[in-house]
Protein backbone atom coordinates (compact mmCIF):
# COMPACT_ATOMS: atom_id res chain seq x y z
CA MET A 1 6.65 19.97 -24.72
CA ARG A 2 9.58 18.83 -22.57
CA LYS A 3 9.26 21.94 -20.31
CA LEU A 4 5.49 21.30 -19.97
CA LEU A 5 6.17 17.61 -18.98
CA LEU A 6 8.63 18.74 -16.32
CA LEU A 7 6.18 21.31 -14.94
CA LEU A 8 3.53 18.71 -14.62
CA LEU A 9 5.75 16.34 -12.93
CA LEU A 10 6.85 18.88 -10.31
CA LEU A 11 3.30 19.86 -9.25
CA PRO A 12 2.81 19.38 -5.45
CA LEU A 13 2.19 15.69 -4.56
CA ALA A 14 -1.05 16.65 -2.78
CA THR A 15 -2.57 17.87 -5.98
CA VAL A 16 -2.79 14.24 -7.22
CA ALA A 17 -3.30 12.67 -3.89
CA GLN A 18 -6.46 14.68 -3.04
CA THR A 19 -8.33 15.43 -6.26
CA ARG A 20 -8.68 14.56 -9.86
CA GLU A 21 -11.06 15.89 -12.61
CA GLY A 22 -14.24 17.21 -11.17
CA GLY A 23 -12.76 17.45 -7.58
CA VAL A 24 -13.36 13.72 -6.91
CA PRO A 25 -10.87 12.18 -4.34
CA THR A 26 -8.54 9.91 -6.21
CA PHE A 27 -8.09 7.32 -3.56
CA GLY A 28 -9.05 6.17 -0.20
CA PRO A 29 -10.40 3.11 1.61
CA ASP A 30 -14.04 4.35 1.19
CA LYS A 31 -13.78 4.90 -2.52
CA GLU A 32 -15.20 2.38 -5.09
CA GLU A 33 -12.42 2.88 -7.68
CA ASP A 34 -8.71 2.52 -7.68
CA TYR A 35 -5.85 3.11 -10.10
CA LEU A 36 -4.77 0.04 -12.07
CA VAL A 37 -1.25 0.18 -13.48
CA THR A 38 -0.55 -1.83 -16.56
CA MET A 39 3.15 -2.29 -17.52
CA ARG A 40 3.92 -3.76 -20.88
CA THR A 41 7.26 -5.37 -21.84
CA ASP A 42 8.50 -7.73 -24.52
CA PHE A 43 8.14 -10.55 -21.97
CA GLY A 44 4.55 -9.81 -21.18
CA ILE A 45 2.19 -7.65 -19.14
CA MET A 46 2.26 -6.94 -15.40
CA ARG A 47 -0.51 -5.17 -13.62
CA PHE A 48 -0.18 -3.34 -10.24
CA ILE A 49 -2.27 -1.65 -7.60
CA LEU A 50 -0.82 1.21 -5.52
CA HIS A 51 -1.30 1.30 -1.77
CA ASP A 52 -3.32 4.02 -0.03
CA ASP A 53 -1.02 3.63 3.00
CA THR A 54 1.84 5.30 1.08
CA PRO A 55 -0.14 8.39 -0.37
CA LYS A 56 2.98 10.39 -1.27
CA HIS A 57 4.46 7.62 -3.38
CA LYS A 58 1.01 6.63 -4.82
CA ALA A 59 0.32 10.18 -5.96
CA ASN A 60 3.92 10.67 -7.46
CA PHE A 61 3.67 7.34 -9.33
CA ILE A 62 0.19 8.20 -10.71
CA ARG A 63 1.31 11.63 -11.93
CA LEU A 64 4.42 10.00 -13.61
CA VAL A 65 2.36 7.37 -15.34
CA ASP A 66 -0.32 9.81 -16.47
CA SER A 67 2.37 12.02 -18.06
CA SER A 68 3.75 8.87 -19.90
CA TYR A 69 7.03 9.38 -18.18
CA TYR A 70 8.03 5.74 -18.14
CA ASP A 71 7.19 4.93 -21.71
CA GLY A 72 10.37 3.89 -23.38
CA LEU A 73 12.53 3.51 -20.32
CA LEU A 74 14.58 0.52 -19.67
CA PHE A 75 14.86 -2.12 -16.90
CA HIS A 76 18.44 -1.13 -16.35
CA ARG A 77 19.32 -3.42 -13.52
CA THR A 78 18.15 -6.94 -13.04
CA ILE A 79 19.41 -9.45 -10.38
CA GLU A 80 17.89 -12.95 -10.48
CA LYS A 81 16.32 -13.98 -7.11
CA PHE A 82 16.35 -10.37 -5.96
CA MET A 83 14.61 -7.70 -8.16
CA ILE A 84 14.24 -5.86 -11.49
CA GLN A 85 14.78 -2.04 -11.49
CA GLY A 86 13.86 0.64 -13.93
CA GLY A 87 12.85 4.38 -14.22
CA ASP A 88 16.15 5.96 -14.85
CA PRO A 89 15.44 8.95 -17.32
CA ASP A 90 18.98 8.42 -18.77
CA SER A 91 18.02 5.06 -20.03
CA ARG A 92 15.65 6.51 -22.66
CA THR A 93 18.46 7.10 -25.12
CA ALA A 94 21.27 4.98 -23.50
CA VAL A 95 23.70 3.21 -25.72
CA ALA A 96 24.79 -0.40 -25.22
CA GLY A 97 27.13 -0.74 -22.26
CA GLN A 98 26.34 2.75 -20.90
CA PRO A 99 26.30 2.74 -17.03
CA LEU A 100 22.82 3.50 -15.68
CA GLY A 101 21.16 4.05 -12.37
CA GLY A 102 21.98 7.63 -11.36
CA GLY A 103 19.24 9.49 -13.23
CA SER A 104 16.41 11.29 -11.39
CA LEU A 105 14.33 14.42 -11.37
CA ASN A 106 15.19 17.21 -8.93
CA TYR A 107 13.04 16.09 -6.02
CA ARG A 108 12.72 13.12 -3.66
CA VAL A 109 9.71 11.49 -1.99
CA PRO A 110 9.79 11.19 1.82
CA ALA A 111 10.02 7.50 3.05
CA GLU A 112 6.70 5.88 3.96
CA PHE A 113 7.56 2.70 5.85
CA MET A 114 4.42 0.68 6.74
CA PRO A 115 4.79 -2.61 8.69
CA ASN A 116 1.88 -4.10 6.74
CA LEU A 117 3.63 -3.53 3.42
CA PHE A 118 6.54 -5.88 2.89
CA HIS A 119 8.81 -7.14 0.09
CA GLN A 120 6.97 -10.12 -1.07
CA LYS A 121 7.22 -11.26 -4.59
CA GLY A 122 5.71 -8.71 -6.96
CA ALA A 123 6.19 -5.78 -4.45
CA LEU A 124 6.57 -2.42 -6.23
CA ALA A 125 9.05 -0.35 -4.30
CA ALA A 126 11.08 2.94 -4.55
CA ALA A 127 14.78 2.94 -5.22
CA ARG A 128 17.01 5.29 -3.24
CA ASN A 129 20.55 6.23 -2.45
CA GLU A 130 22.24 6.12 0.93
CA ARG A 131 20.61 9.24 2.32
CA PRO A 132 20.13 8.84 6.03
CA ASP A 133 16.47 9.89 5.83
CA LYS A 134 15.88 7.10 3.31
CA ALA A 135 13.96 9.48 1.09
CA SER A 136 13.03 7.71 -2.27
CA SER A 137 14.11 8.44 -5.79
CA SER A 138 11.40 10.58 -7.60
CA VAL A 139 11.31 8.16 -10.45
CA GLN A 140 13.28 4.91 -10.04
CA PHE A 141 11.58 1.84 -8.74
CA TYR A 142 12.14 -1.84 -8.51
CA ILE A 143 9.84 -4.99 -8.63
CA VAL A 144 10.71 -7.79 -6.21
CA GLN A 145 11.32 -11.32 -7.45
CA GLY A 146 13.16 -12.58 -4.38
CA GLU A 147 13.28 -16.18 -3.42
CA VAL A 148 11.36 -18.74 -1.27
CA PHE A 149 12.79 -19.53 2.16
CA ASP A 150 12.69 -22.44 4.45
CA ASP A 151 12.64 -21.70 8.17
CA TYR A 152 16.32 -21.57 8.58
CA GLY A 153 16.93 -19.31 5.61
CA LEU A 154 14.16 -16.93 6.63
CA GLU A 155 15.56 -16.67 10.16
CA ARG A 156 18.92 -15.76 8.68
CA LYS A 157 17.41 -12.98 6.43
CA MET A 158 15.23 -11.70 9.18
CA ALA A 159 18.34 -11.31 11.36
CA THR A 160 19.97 -9.45 8.66
CA SER A 161 17.07 -7.05 8.36
CA LYS A 162 16.88 -6.60 12.09
CA VAL A 163 20.48 -5.61 12.38
CA ARG A 164 19.57 -2.61 10.00
CA THR A 165 16.10 -2.05 11.40
CA PRO A 166 15.97 -3.41 14.99
CA ASP A 167 12.34 -2.32 15.43
CA ARG A 168 11.10 -4.50 12.51
CA VAL A 169 8.74 -7.26 13.47
CA PHE A 170 7.61 -9.86 10.93
CA THR A 171 4.12 -11.24 11.51
CA ASP A 172 3.25 -14.93 11.08
CA GLU A 173 1.44 -14.07 7.95
CA GLN A 174 4.31 -12.25 6.41
CA GLN A 175 6.76 -15.15 7.42
CA GLN A 176 4.37 -17.51 5.66
CA VAL A 177 4.27 -15.46 2.52
CA TYR A 178 8.11 -15.51 2.39
CA LYS A 179 8.11 -19.37 2.84
CA THR A 180 5.51 -20.01 0.07
CA THR A 181 5.41 -17.11 -2.51
CA GLY A 182 8.77 -15.71 -1.62
CA GLY A 183 10.35 -12.21 -1.60
CA ALA A 184 13.27 -10.20 -0.17
CA PRO A 185 12.75 -9.73 3.67
CA GLN A 186 16.20 -8.15 4.08
CA LEU A 187 14.83 -4.96 2.44
CA ASP A 188 11.86 -4.49 4.76
CA GLY A 189 11.97 -1.19 6.68
CA ASN A 190 14.66 0.28 4.47
CA TYR A 191 12.87 0.93 1.20
CA THR A 192 9.34 2.11 0.66
CA VAL A 193 6.94 -0.50 -0.78
CA PHE A 194 4.17 1.33 -2.45
CA GLY A 195 2.45 -1.21 -4.77
CA GLN A 196 1.86 -4.82 -5.54
CA ALA A 197 1.83 -6.92 -8.75
CA ILE A 198 -1.58 -8.60 -9.05
CA ASP A 199 -1.04 -10.20 -12.37
CA GLY A 200 2.08 -11.15 -14.44
CA LEU A 201 4.38 -12.48 -11.73
CA ALA A 202 5.94 -14.86 -14.41
CA VAL A 203 7.05 -11.86 -16.35
CA ILE A 204 9.25 -10.81 -13.38
CA ASP A 205 10.94 -14.25 -13.50
CA SER A 206 11.43 -13.95 -17.34
CA ILE A 207 13.09 -10.51 -17.09
CA ALA A 208 15.20 -11.39 -14.17
CA ARG A 209 16.87 -14.39 -15.87
CA GLN A 210 18.04 -12.48 -18.94
CA PRO A 211 21.80 -12.27 -19.45
CA ARG A 212 23.36 -9.15 -18.05
CA ASP A 213 26.76 -7.41 -17.87
CA PRO A 214 28.95 -6.94 -14.76
CA ARG A 215 26.75 -3.89 -13.79
CA ASN A 216 23.67 -6.00 -13.94
CA ARG A 217 22.32 -4.21 -16.99
CA PRO A 218 20.57 -6.63 -19.34
CA LEU A 219 22.63 -7.20 -22.51
CA THR A 220 19.49 -6.85 -24.57
CA ASP A 221 17.37 -3.73 -23.87
CA ILE A 222 14.09 -4.44 -22.08
CA ARG A 223 11.78 -1.41 -22.42
CA MET A 224 8.63 -0.66 -20.61
CA THR A 225 5.31 1.05 -21.45
CA VAL A 226 3.27 2.05 -18.37
CA LYS A 227 -0.32 3.11 -18.46
CA GLY A 228 -2.92 3.60 -15.66
CA GLN A 229 -6.68 3.78 -15.45
CA TRP A 230 -9.39 4.11 -12.75
CA VAL A 231 -11.23 0.88 -12.40
CA LYS A 232 -14.01 -0.24 -9.99
CA LYS A 233 -12.42 -2.10 -7.07
CA GLN A 234 -14.94 -4.91 -7.40
CA GLU A 235 -13.94 -5.35 -11.05
CA ILE A 236 -10.25 -5.60 -10.11
CA THR A 237 -11.08 -8.10 -7.47
CA LYS A 238 -13.27 -10.06 -10.04
CA GLN A 239 -10.51 -10.21 -12.75
CA TYR A 240 -7.33 -10.51 -10.62
CA GLY A 241 -8.36 -11.87 -7.35
CA TYR A 242 -6.86 -8.96 -5.35
CA GLN A 243 -8.68 -8.26 -2.00
CA PHE A 244 -8.56 -4.65 -0.99
CA PRO A 245 -7.95 -4.04 2.67
CA GLY A 246 -11.11 -3.41 4.66
CA ARG A 247 -13.32 -4.83 1.82
CA LYS A 248 -15.15 -8.22 1.92
């Protein structure tokens, strides 16, 4: 069973990105369905959409979720007013106090930086190491909690980001989101954002505030179960208020 799971996970990304059962395209701006991710934890349920603008990451995450890869894994790194991180395969059987964060599968996902996708609260993004190409971990992800900024604080964070990515330009709309909903603008242009929480933002807050050890691993294990299903876009909008790009 384990060998079969690994084989499924290592299928080319294009297989998921282009077709599913019956040869129907899985996602695209002209399609009526999208993939709704439901992430369950002891602190509640979060739901996410995955962005078409990052097709490699979207296809990879769908494949992982459909194979039940994330079920039983931990949020192994949490930092209040920043983010919560999970997906390390080593966390499935980790003992108390065991260092985590280095686990992965034997491939990476090329970076997909899109200026319209930014680290607002609830952003689902790919973790990575310090590789110069900024390619993403195959499996580890984080969900942004961040913080709300005033004009001065946002200017300072934007300056920090621009030092690392001098071509990064924040739109007025993005700046307004950082000053109302909040987020982590210093990460923009350095890590791939590939999804967004559309329900359960308070769950992020609850997880982020849990006591943790010096390595930022929660003292009490916080496990996840992640499922996905194809849902009509109009139904997602009706239930969660999310407006898909290009749809009215």
